[in-house]
């Protein structure tokens, strides 16, 4: 099950101590990279979804405004 970046960071910090002392390709650094990628992906998808919802809600409102004026 995927975990958030904060949870992964907290777990590694409890286990290892200082995060800065990790080897570049260690298991823990790979876990951090994957969790960071998931966070970025979620942010991009939610931003795109919000933008799409905003466009659709605005497109639906425009005919109602012009329809009520005529």
PDB file of N, CA and C in Angstrom:
ATOM      1  N   UNK A   1       0.842  -1.176   0.000  1.00  0.00           N
ATOM      2  CA  UNK A   1       0.000   0.000   0.000  1.00  0.00           C
ATOM      3  C   UNK A   1       0.892   1.246   0.000  1.00  0.00           C
ATOM      4  N   UNK A   2       0.641   2.175  -0.906  1.00  0.00           N
ATOM      5  CA  UNK A   2       1.450   3.387  -0.963  1.00  0.00           C
ATOM      6  C   UNK A   2       1.289   4.238   0.293  1.00  0.00           C
ATOM      7  N   UNK A   3       2.376   4.868   0.659  1.00  0.00           N
ATOM      8  CA  UNK A   3       2.355   5.746   1.822  1.00  0.00           C
ATOM      9  C   UNK A   3       2.746   7.149   1.382  1.00  0.00           C
ATOM     10  N   UNK A   4       2.344   8.110   2.182  1.00  0.00           N
ATOM     11  CA  UNK A   4       2.701   9.488   1.859  1.00  0.00           C
ATOM     12  C   UNK A   4       4.178   9.722   2.164  1.00  0.00           C
ATOM     13  N   UNK A   5       4.698  10.774   1.596  1.00  0.00           N
ATOM     14  CA  UNK A   5       6.104  11.110   1.785  1.00  0.00           C
ATOM     15  C   UNK A   5       6.416  11.365   3.252  1.00  0.00           C
ATOM     16  N   UNK A   6       5.521  12.013   3.952  1.00  0.00           N
ATOM     17  CA  UNK A   6       5.759  12.315   5.362  1.00  0.00           C
ATOM     18  C   UNK A   6       5.857  11.042   6.196  1.00  0.00           C
ATOM     19  N   UNK A   7       4.991  10.061   5.904  1.00  0.00           N
ATOM     20  CA  UNK A   7       5.025   8.805   6.656  1.00  0.00           C
ATOM     21  C   UNK A   7       6.318   8.040   6.384  1.00  0.00           C
ATOM     22  N   UNK A   8       6.739   7.989   5.121  1.00  0.00           N
ATOM     23  CA  UNK A   8       7.970   7.294   4.770  1.00  0.00           C
ATOM     24  C   UNK A   8       9.152   7.980   5.435  1.00  0.00           C
ATOM     25  N   UNK A   9       9.184   9.292   5.377  1.00  0.00           N
ATOM     26  CA  UNK A   9      10.269  10.063   5.978  1.00  0.00           C
ATOM     27  C   UNK A   9      10.340   9.817   7.487  1.00  0.00           C
ATOM     28  N   UNK A  10       9.195   9.824   8.136  1.00  0.00           N
ATOM     29  CA  UNK A  10       9.144   9.619   9.583  1.00  0.00           C
ATOM     30  C   UNK A  10       9.645   8.223   9.952  1.00  0.00           C
ATOM     31  N   UNK A  11       9.223   7.213   9.197  1.00  0.00           N
ATOM     32  CA  UNK A  11       9.622   5.841   9.489  1.00  0.00           C
ATOM     33  C   UNK A  11      11.122   5.649   9.312  1.00  0.00           C
ATOM     34  N   UNK A  12      11.679   6.207   8.240  1.00  0.00           N
ATOM     35  CA  UNK A  12      13.120   6.084   7.996  1.00  0.00           C
ATOM     36  C   UNK A  12      13.901   6.848   9.056  1.00  0.00           C
ATOM     37  N   UNK A  13      13.409   8.011   9.452  1.00  0.00           N
ATOM     38  CA  UNK A  13      14.082   8.803  10.476  1.00  0.00           C
ATOM     39  C   UNK A  13      14.102   8.052  11.803  1.00  0.00           C
ATOM     40  N   UNK A  14      13.013   7.395  12.139  1.00  0.00           N
ATOM     41  CA  UNK A  14      12.977   6.620  13.379  1.00  0.00           C
ATOM     42  C   UNK A  14      13.959   5.453  13.322  1.00  0.00           C
ATOM     43  N   UNK A  15      14.075   4.834  12.149  1.00  0.00           N
ATOM     44  CA  UNK A  15      14.936   3.668  12.000  1.00  0.00           C
ATOM     45  C   UNK A  15      16.413   4.054  11.904  1.00  0.00           C
ATOM     46  N   UNK A  16      16.724   5.065  11.115  1.00  0.00           N
ATOM     47  CA  UNK A  16      18.108   5.391  10.787  1.00  0.00           C
ATOM     48  C   UNK A  16      18.668   6.594  11.530  1.00  0.00           C
ATOM     49  N   UNK A  17      17.824   7.541  11.864  1.00  0.00           N
ATOM     50  CA  UNK A  17      18.328   8.780  12.431  1.00  0.00           C
ATOM     51  C   UNK A  17      18.370   9.858  11.367  1.00  0.00           C
ATOM     52  N   UNK A  18      19.578  10.300  11.021  1.00  0.00           N
ATOM     53  CA  UNK A  18      19.748  11.401  10.081  1.00  0.00           C
ATOM     54  C   UNK A  18      19.489  10.938   8.646  1.00  0.00           C
ATOM     55  N   UNK A  19      18.593  11.629   7.953  1.00  0.00           N
ATOM     56  CA  UNK A  19      18.263  11.284   6.562  1.00  0.00           C
ATOM     57  C   UNK A  19      19.403  11.672   5.619  1.00  0.00           C
ATOM     58  N   UNK A  20      20.155  12.701   5.962  1.00  0.00           N
ATOM     59  CA  UNK A  20      21.216  13.186   5.071  1.00  0.00           C
ATOM     60  C   UNK A  20      22.356  12.191   4.912  1.00  0.00           C
ATOM     61  N   UNK A  21      22.460  11.208   5.799  1.00  0.00           N
ATOM     62  CA  UNK A  21      23.561  10.256   5.729  1.00  0.00           C
ATOM     63  C   UNK A  21      23.228   9.016   4.908  1.00  0.00           C
ATOM     64  N   UNK A  22      22.113   9.039   4.180  1.00  0.00           N
ATOM     65  CA  UNK A  22      21.737   7.882   3.358  1.00  0.00           C
ATOM     66  C   UNK A  22      22.616   7.789   2.123  1.00  0.00           C
ATOM     67  N   UNK A  23      22.907   6.550   1.712  1.00  0.00           N
ATOM     68  CA  UNK A  23      23.595   6.322   0.458  1.00  0.00           C
ATOM     69  C   UNK A  23      22.634   6.635  -0.686  1.00  0.00           C
ATOM     70  N   UNK A  24      23.156   7.057  -1.811  1.00  0.00           N
ATOM     71  CA  UNK A  24      22.309   7.502  -2.928  1.00  0.00           C
ATOM     72  C   UNK A  24      21.365   6.411  -3.416  1.00  0.00           C
ATOM     73  N   UNK A  25      21.828   5.163  -3.471  1.00  0.00           N
ATOM     74  CA  UNK A  25      21.003   4.087  -4.017  1.00  0.00           C
ATOM     75  C   UNK A  25      20.581   3.075  -2.958  1.00  0.00           C
ATOM     76  N   UNK A  26      20.531   3.490  -1.721  1.00  0.00           N
ATOM     77  CA  UNK A  26      20.099   2.573  -0.673  1.00  0.00           C
ATOM     78  C   UNK A  26      18.598   2.339  -0.771  1.00  0.00           C
ATOM     79  N   UNK A  27      18.115   1.307  -0.114  1.00  0.00           N
ATOM     80  CA  UNK A  27      16.681   1.011  -0.143  1.00  0.00           C
ATOM     81  C   UNK A  27      15.867   2.175   0.402  1.00  0.00           C
ATOM     82  N   UNK A  28      16.362   2.765   1.481  1.00  0.00           N
ATOM     83  CA  UNK A  28      15.619   3.868   2.089  1.00  0.00           C
ATOM     84  C   UNK A  28      15.556   5.082   1.174  1.00  0.00           C
ATOM     85  N   UNK A  29      16.648   5.397   0.494  1.00  0.00           N
ATOM     86  CA  UNK A  29      16.603   6.545  -0.426  1.00  0.00           C
ATOM     87  C   UNK A  29      15.688   6.256  -1.608  1.00  0.00           C
ATOM     88  N   UNK A  30      15.648   5.001  -2.056  1.00  0.00           N
ATOM     89  CA  UNK A  30      14.731   4.637  -3.139  1.00  0.00           C
ATOM     90  C   UNK A  30      13.286   4.753  -2.679  1.00  0.00           C
ATOM     91  N   UNK A  31      13.009   4.357  -1.436  1.00  0.00           N
ATOM     92  CA  UNK A  31      11.658   4.508  -0.891  1.00  0.00           C
ATOM     93  C   UNK A  31      11.259   5.972  -0.837  1.00  0.00           C
ATOM     94  N   UNK A  32      12.201   6.830  -0.427  1.00  0.00           N
ATOM     95  CA  UNK A  32      11.918   8.266  -0.380  1.00  0.00           C
ATOM     96  C   UNK A  32      11.645   8.824  -1.772  1.00  0.00           C
ATOM     97  N   UNK A  33      12.431   8.393  -2.750  1.00  0.00           N
ATOM     98  CA  UNK A  33      12.219   8.868  -4.121  1.00  0.00           C
ATOM     99  C   UNK A  33      10.862   8.435  -4.667  1.00  0.00           C
ATOM    100  N   UNK A  34      10.499   7.180  -4.428  1.00  0.00           N
ATOM    101  CA  UNK A  34       9.200   6.699  -4.903  1.00  0.00           C
ATOM    102  C   UNK A  34       8.052   7.443  -4.234  1.00  0.00           C
ATOM    103  N   UNK A  35       8.175   7.671  -2.922  1.00  0.00           N
ATOM    104  CA  UNK A  35       7.120   8.392  -2.197  1.00  0.00           C
ATOM    105  C   UNK A  35       7.020   9.833  -2.706  1.00  0.00           C
ATOM    106  N   UNK A  36       8.153  10.462  -2.981  1.00  0.00           N
ATOM    107  CA  UNK A  36       8.150  11.818  -3.530  1.00  0.00           C
ATOM    108  C   UNK A  36       7.510  11.862  -4.905  1.00  0.00           C
ATOM    109  N   UNK A  37       7.784  10.844  -5.728  1.00  0.00           N
ATOM    110  CA  UNK A  37       7.164  10.758  -7.045  1.00  0.00           C
ATOM    111  C   UNK A  37       5.660  10.593  -6.956  1.00  0.00           C
ATOM    112  N   UNK A  38       5.206   9.793  -5.992  1.00  0.00           N
ATOM    113  CA  UNK A  38       3.762   9.636  -5.797  1.00  0.00           C
ATOM    114  C   UNK A  38       3.123  10.950  -5.391  1.00  0.00           C
ATOM    115  N   UNK A  39       3.775  11.689  -4.494  1.00  0.00           N
ATOM    116  CA  UNK A  39       3.250  12.986  -4.061  1.00  0.00           C
ATOM    117  C   UNK A  39       3.141  13.943  -5.244  1.00  0.00           C
ATOM    118  N   UNK A  40       4.189  13.982  -6.079  1.00  0.00           N
ATOM    119  CA  UNK A  40       4.175  14.862  -7.247  1.00  0.00           C
ATOM    120  C   UNK A  40       3.059  14.477  -8.222  1.00  0.00           C
ATOM    121  N   UNK A  41       2.917  13.171  -8.451  1.00  0.00           N
ATOM    122  CA  UNK A  41       1.887  12.695  -9.369  1.00  0.00           C
ATOM    123  C   UNK A  41       0.498  13.061  -8.862  1.00  0.00           C
ATOM    124  N   UNK A  42       0.260  12.863  -7.560  1.00  0.00           N
ATOM    125  CA  UNK A  42      -1.039  13.215  -6.984  1.00  0.00           C
ATOM    126  C   UNK A  42      -1.318  14.703  -7.118  1.00  0.00           C
ATOM    127  N   UNK A  43      -0.286  15.522  -6.915  1.00  0.00           N
ATOM    128  CA  UNK A  43      -0.465  16.969  -7.031  1.00  0.00           C
ATOM    129  C   UNK A  43      -0.808  17.361  -8.469  1.00  0.00           C
ATOM    130  N   UNK A  44      -0.099  16.755  -9.443  1.00  0.00           N
ATOM    131  CA  UNK A  44      -0.375  17.070 -10.843  1.00  0.00           C
ATOM    132  C   UNK A  44      -1.773  16.634 -11.256  1.00  0.00           C
ATOM    133  N   UNK A  45      -2.177  15.435 -10.843  1.00  0.00           N
ATOM    134  CA  UNK A  45      -3.491  14.925 -11.216  1.00  0.00           C
ATOM    135  C   UNK A  45      -4.598  15.762 -10.585  1.00  0.00           C
ATOM    136  N   UNK A  46      -4.429  16.122  -9.316  1.00  0.00           N
ATOM    137  CA  UNK A  46      -5.476  16.916  -8.661  1.00  0.00           C
ATOM    138  C   UNK A  46      -5.566  18.315  -9.262  1.00  0.00           C
ATOM    139  N   UNK A  47      -4.424  18.899  -9.661  1.00  0.00           N
ATOM    140  CA  UNK A  47      -4.451  20.213 -10.299  1.00  0.00           C
ATOM    141  C   UNK A  47      -5.157  20.144 -11.656  1.00  0.00           C
ATOM    142  N   UNK A  48      -4.856  19.098 -12.415  1.00  0.00           N
ATOM    143  CA  UNK A  48      -5.504  18.937 -13.722  1.00  0.00           C
ATOM    144  C   UNK A  48      -7.007  18.705 -13.554  1.00  0.00           C
ATOM    145  N   UNK A  49      -7.368  17.915 -12.545  1.00  0.00           N
ATOM    146  CA  UNK A  49      -8.790  17.647 -12.314  1.00  0.00           C
ATOM    147  C   UNK A  49      -9.514  18.918 -11.891  1.00  0.00           C
ATOM    148  N   UNK A  50      -8.889  19.716 -11.032  1.00  0.00           N
ATOM    149  CA  UNK A  50      -9.505  20.969 -10.596  1.00  0.00           C
ATOM    150  C   UNK A  50      -9.678  21.929 -11.776  1.00  0.00           C
ATOM    151  N   UNK A  51      -8.660  21.975 -12.643  1.00  0.00           N
ATOM    152  CA  UNK A  51      -8.744  22.848 -13.813  1.00  0.00           C
ATOM    153  C   UNK A  51      -9.858  22.384 -14.748  1.00  0.00           C
ATOM    154  N   UNK A  52      -9.968  21.073 -14.956  1.00  0.00           N
ATOM    155  CA  UNK A  52     -11.017  20.541 -15.836  1.00  0.00           C
ATOM    156  C   UNK A  52     -12.396  20.807 -15.245  1.00  0.00           C
ATOM    157  N   UNK A  53     -12.542  20.636 -13.945  1.00  0.00           N
ATOM    158  CA  UNK A  53     -13.831  20.898 -13.302  1.00  0.00           C
ATOM    159  C   UNK A  53     -14.194  22.376 -13.389  1.00  0.00           C
ATOM    160  N   UNK A  54     -13.199  23.235 -13.269  1.00  0.00           N
ATOM    161  CA  UNK A  54     -13.447  24.672 -13.343  1.00  0.00           C
ATOM    162  C   UNK A  54     -13.911  25.058 -14.744  1.00  0.00           C
ATOM    163  N   UNK A  55     -13.285  24.504 -15.759  1.00  0.00           N
ATOM    164  CA  UNK A  55     -13.657  24.814 -17.139  1.00  0.00           C
ATOM    165  C   UNK A  55     -15.077  24.330 -17.418  1.00  0.00           C
ATOM    166  N   UNK A  56     -15.400  23.106 -16.969  1.00  0.00           N
ATOM    167  CA  UNK A  56     -16.733  22.562 -17.217  1.00  0.00           C
ATOM    168  C   UNK A  56     -17.800  23.332 -16.456  1.00  0.00           C
ATOM    169  N   UNK A  57     -17.497  23.736 -15.241  1.00  0.00           N
ATOM    170  CA  UNK A  57     -18.502  24.474 -14.477  1.00  0.00           C
ATOM    171  C   UNK A  57     -18.715  25.868 -15.068  1.00  0.00           C
ATOM    172  N   UNK A  58     -17.654  26.473 -15.599  1.00  0.00           N
ATOM    173  CA  UNK A  58     -17.798  27.789 -16.227  1.00  0.00           C
ATOM    174  C   UNK A  58     -18.550  27.666 -17.546  1.00  0.00           C
ATOM    175  N   UNK A  59     -18.312  26.611 -18.301  1.00  0.00           N
ATOM    176  CA  UNK A  59     -18.984  26.426 -19.591  1.00  0.00           C
ATOM    177  C   UNK A  59     -20.474  26.203 -19.383  1.00  0.00           C
ATOM    178  N   UNK A  60     -20.833  25.537 -18.308  1.00  0.00           N
ATOM    179  CA  UNK A  60     -22.236  25.313 -18.026  1.00  0.00           C
ATOM    180  C   UNK A  60     -22.941  26.564 -17.548  1.00  0.00           C
ATOM    181  N   UNK A  61     -22.223  27.477 -16.929  1.00  0.00           N
ATOM    182  CA  UNK A  61     -22.831  28.682 -16.375  1.00  0.00           C
ATOM    183  C   UNK A  61     -23.051  29.755 -17.442  1.00  0.00           C
ATOM    184  N   UNK A  62     -22.242  29.782 -18.478  1.00  0.00           N
ATOM    185  CA  UNK A  62     -22.341  30.834 -19.485  1.00  0.00           C
ATOM    186  C   UNK A  62     -23.679  30.804 -20.226  1.00  0.00           C
ATOM    187  N   UNK A  63     -24.162  29.656 -20.700  1.00  0.00           N
ATOM    188  CA  UNK A  63     -25.473  29.670 -21.371  1.00  0.00           C
ATOM    189  C   UNK A  63     -26.607  30.076 -20.427  1.00  0.00           C
ATOM    190  N   UNK A  64     -26.484  29.762 -19.168  1.00  0.00           N
ATOM    191  CA  UNK A  64     -27.527  30.158 -18.229  1.00  0.00           C
ATOM    192  C   UNK A  64     -27.580  31.681 -18.070  1.00  0.00           C
ATOM    193  N   UNK A  65     -26.418  32.301 -18.065  1.00  0.00           N
ATOM    194  CA  UNK A  65     -26.380  33.768 -17.907  1.00  0.00           C
ATOM    195  C   UNK A  65     -26.975  34.436 -19.141  1.00  0.00           C
ATOM    196  N   UNK A  66     -26.536  34.008 -20.335  1.00  0.00           N
ATOM    197  CA  UNK A  66     -27.046  34.629 -21.549  1.00  0.00           C
ATOM    198  C   UNK A  66     -28.498  34.255 -21.799  1.00  0.00           C
ATOM    199  N   UNK A  67     -28.899  33.053 -21.406  1.00  0.00           N
ATOM    200  CA  UNK A  67     -30.280  32.625 -21.607  1.00  0.00           C
ATOM    201  C   UNK A  67     -31.262  33.425 -20.747  1.00  0.00           C
ATOM    202  N   UNK A  68     -30.832  33.843 -19.562  1.00  0.00           N
ATOM    203  CA  UNK A  68     -31.719  34.572 -18.686  1.00  0.00           C
ATOM    204  C   UNK A  68     -31.848  36.039 -19.095  1.00  0.00           C
ATOM    205  N   UNK A  69     -30.867  36.569 -19.840  1.00  0.00           N
ATOM    206  CA  UNK A  69     -30.904  37.974 -20.245  1.00  0.00           C
ATOM    207  C   UNK A  69     -31.814  38.194 -21.445  1.00  0.00           C
ATOM    208  N   UNK A  70     -32.035  37.196 -22.275  1.00  0.00           N
ATOM    209  CA  UNK A  70     -32.809  37.418 -23.497  1.00  0.00           C
ATOM    210  C   UNK A  70     -34.273  37.183 -23.302  1.00  0.00           C
TER     211      UNK A  70
END
